[in-house]
Amino acid sequence: MSGPDLSQRKQATLVALGGASFVLGIVDVLFALPPASEGQRLLVMMLGNIALPVIGFRWLALDARELEIRRPTWLDVAIVLLAAIFVPYYLYKTRPQPRRLSAILAFFGLVFGCMVLTALGAAVTANLGGIAPPTP
């Protein structure tokens, strides 16, 4: 089943990924304030860092449905464990020759964009609140 519905859902998933990245930066700054313990901050960041790959995996599921392909179980496990290697592998295998490189570069651009959005969320929150951003 392909069509505009799946394409729209894939785009909405990418927007959710960017939004979650931005919110993760905000939450990181807020939990860096003195009333929060370091354990609370670590827990929130762990949950956020689990949410991002889950959202990304949702995009992969929609993409496979749109292309009417079935990913083998080993590839799903590999994507979860080593996304930086196996998402490009998936994209390489599922795209025609002229679109392979652009799809792989778009994936790494998305990863970079999520990092920028997280930093931007932290910077905006720190500036609005007049606080220093957290140090790693």
Protein backbone atom coordinates (compact mmCIF):
# COMPACT_ATOMS: atom_id res chain seq x y z
CA MET A 1 0.00 0.00 0.00
CA SER A 2 1.73 3.12 -1.17
CA GLY A 3 0.46 6.57 -1.83
CA PRO A 4 0.21 10.03 -0.39
CA ASP A 5 -0.98 8.77 2.98
CA LEU A 6 2.24 6.86 3.64
CA SER A 7 4.35 9.72 2.28
CA GLN A 8 2.58 12.18 4.55
CA ARG A 9 3.01 9.87 7.52
CA LYS A 10 6.72 9.52 6.73
CA GLN A 11 7.08 13.30 6.59
CA ALA A 12 5.13 13.68 9.85
CA THR A 13 7.50 11.16 11.43
CA LEU A 14 10.51 13.22 10.33
CA VAL A 15 8.90 16.36 11.79
CA ALA A 16 8.29 14.44 15.03
CA LEU A 17 11.93 13.40 15.05
CA GLY A 18 13.05 17.02 14.71
CA GLY A 19 10.57 18.19 17.33
CA ALA A 20 11.64 15.49 19.77
CA SER A 21 15.28 16.49 19.24
CA PHE A 22 14.45 20.14 19.98
CA VAL A 23 12.47 19.19 23.10
CA LEU A 24 15.33 16.96 24.25
CA GLY A 25 17.62 20.00 24.25
CA ILE A 26 15.06 22.00 26.26
CA VAL A 27 14.60 19.22 28.79
CA ASP A 28 18.34 18.76 29.16
CA VAL A 29 18.75 22.41 30.17
CA LEU A 30 15.77 22.31 32.52
CA PHE A 31 17.03 19.19 34.27
CA ALA A 32 20.48 20.71 34.61
CA LEU A 33 19.07 23.28 37.04
CA PRO A 34 19.97 22.80 40.73
CA PRO A 35 16.68 21.28 42.01
CA ALA A 36 17.07 18.28 39.66
CA SER A 37 19.48 15.53 40.59
CA GLU A 38 22.06 14.18 38.18
CA GLY A 39 20.21 10.85 38.26
CA GLN A 40 16.98 12.49 37.12
CA ARG A 41 18.77 14.24 34.29
CA LEU A 42 20.43 11.00 33.20
CA LEU A 43 17.09 9.16 33.24
CA VAL A 44 15.35 11.83 31.18
CA MET A 45 18.18 11.93 28.65
CA MET A 46 18.19 8.12 28.39
CA LEU A 47 14.43 8.14 27.72
CA GLY A 48 14.90 10.84 25.10
CA ASN A 49 17.73 8.97 23.45
CA ILE A 50 15.52 5.87 23.29
CA ALA A 51 12.60 7.85 21.84
CA LEU A 52 14.62 9.20 18.91
CA PRO A 53 15.55 5.79 17.44
CA VAL A 54 11.99 4.54 18.05
CA ILE A 55 10.65 7.44 15.97
CA GLY A 56 13.30 6.75 13.32
CA PHE A 57 12.37 3.08 13.27
CA ARG A 58 8.76 4.11 12.67
CA TRP A 59 9.91 5.96 9.55
CA LEU A 60 11.71 2.82 8.37
CA ALA A 61 8.56 0.74 8.88
CA LEU A 62 6.49 3.22 6.86
CA ASP A 63 9.16 3.31 4.15
CA ALA A 64 9.21 -0.49 3.86
CA ARG A 65 5.42 -0.50 3.62
CA GLU A 66 5.47 2.19 0.95
CA LEU A 67 8.05 0.25 -1.08
CA GLU A 68 6.20 -3.01 -0.39
CA ILE A 69 9.27 -4.79 0.92
CA ARG A 70 9.83 -6.87 4.02
CA ARG A 71 12.98 -6.32 6.02
CA PRO A 72 14.53 -9.49 7.43
CA THR A 73 14.57 -9.75 11.23
CA TRP A 74 18.38 -9.69 11.31
CA LEU A 75 18.32 -6.28 9.59
CA ASP A 76 15.81 -4.90 12.10
CA VAL A 77 18.06 -6.03 14.95
CA ALA A 78 21.14 -4.63 13.21
CA ILE A 79 19.41 -1.28 12.62
CA VAL A 80 18.55 -1.03 16.31
CA LEU A 81 22.08 -1.92 17.41
CA LEU A 82 24.12 -0.04 14.78
CA ALA A 83 21.87 2.43 12.99
CA ALA A 84 24.79 4.44 11.57
CA ILE A 85 25.85 1.40 9.53
CA PHE A 86 22.65 -0.48 8.81
CA VAL A 87 20.26 2.37 7.96
CA PRO A 88 22.58 3.36 5.08
CA TYR A 89 22.75 -0.33 4.14
CA TYR A 90 18.93 -0.49 4.07
CA LEU A 91 18.76 2.69 2.00
CA TYR A 92 21.40 1.37 -0.41
CA LYS A 93 19.54 -1.90 -0.91
CA THR A 94 16.09 -0.34 -1.33
CA ARG A 95 16.86 2.61 -3.62
CA PRO A 96 17.57 2.51 -7.34
CA GLN A 97 21.12 3.35 -8.41
CA PRO A 98 20.70 7.09 -9.06
CA ARG A 99 19.02 7.69 -5.65
CA ARG A 100 21.26 5.64 -3.36
CA LEU A 101 23.86 8.25 -2.51
CA SER A 102 21.32 11.03 -2.00
CA ALA A 103 19.25 8.83 0.34
CA ILE A 104 22.31 7.93 2.42
CA LEU A 105 23.48 11.56 2.56
CA ALA A 106 19.95 12.60 3.57
CA PHE A 107 20.10 10.12 6.47
CA PHE A 108 23.37 11.57 7.76
CA GLY A 109 21.98 15.06 7.21
CA LEU A 110 18.99 14.09 9.33
CA VAL A 111 21.27 12.85 12.11
CA PHE A 112 23.24 16.11 11.98
CA GLY A 113 20.01 18.12 11.87
CA CYS A 114 18.73 16.36 14.99
CA MET A 115 21.96 17.21 16.80
CA VAL A 116 21.62 20.85 15.74
CA LEU A 117 17.98 20.96 16.85
CA THR A 118 18.91 19.51 20.25
CA ALA A 119 21.62 22.14 20.66
CA LEU A 120 19.24 24.84 19.47
CA GLY A 121 16.58 23.76 21.97
CA ALA A 122 19.17 23.92 24.74
CA ALA A 123 20.47 27.31 23.63
CA VAL A 124 17.01 28.86 23.32
CA THR A 125 16.01 27.60 26.75
CA ALA A 126 19.25 28.76 28.32
CA ASN A 127 18.97 32.20 26.73
CA LEU A 128 15.31 32.66 27.62
CA GLY A 129 15.94 31.53 31.17
CA GLY A 130 19.18 33.46 31.56
CA ILE A 131 21.07 30.31 32.55
CA ALA A 132 24.24 28.73 31.27
CA PRO A 133 23.70 25.66 29.09
CA PRO A 134 24.70 22.33 30.69
CA THR A 135 28.24 21.13 30.30
CA PRO A 136 28.74 17.54 29.18
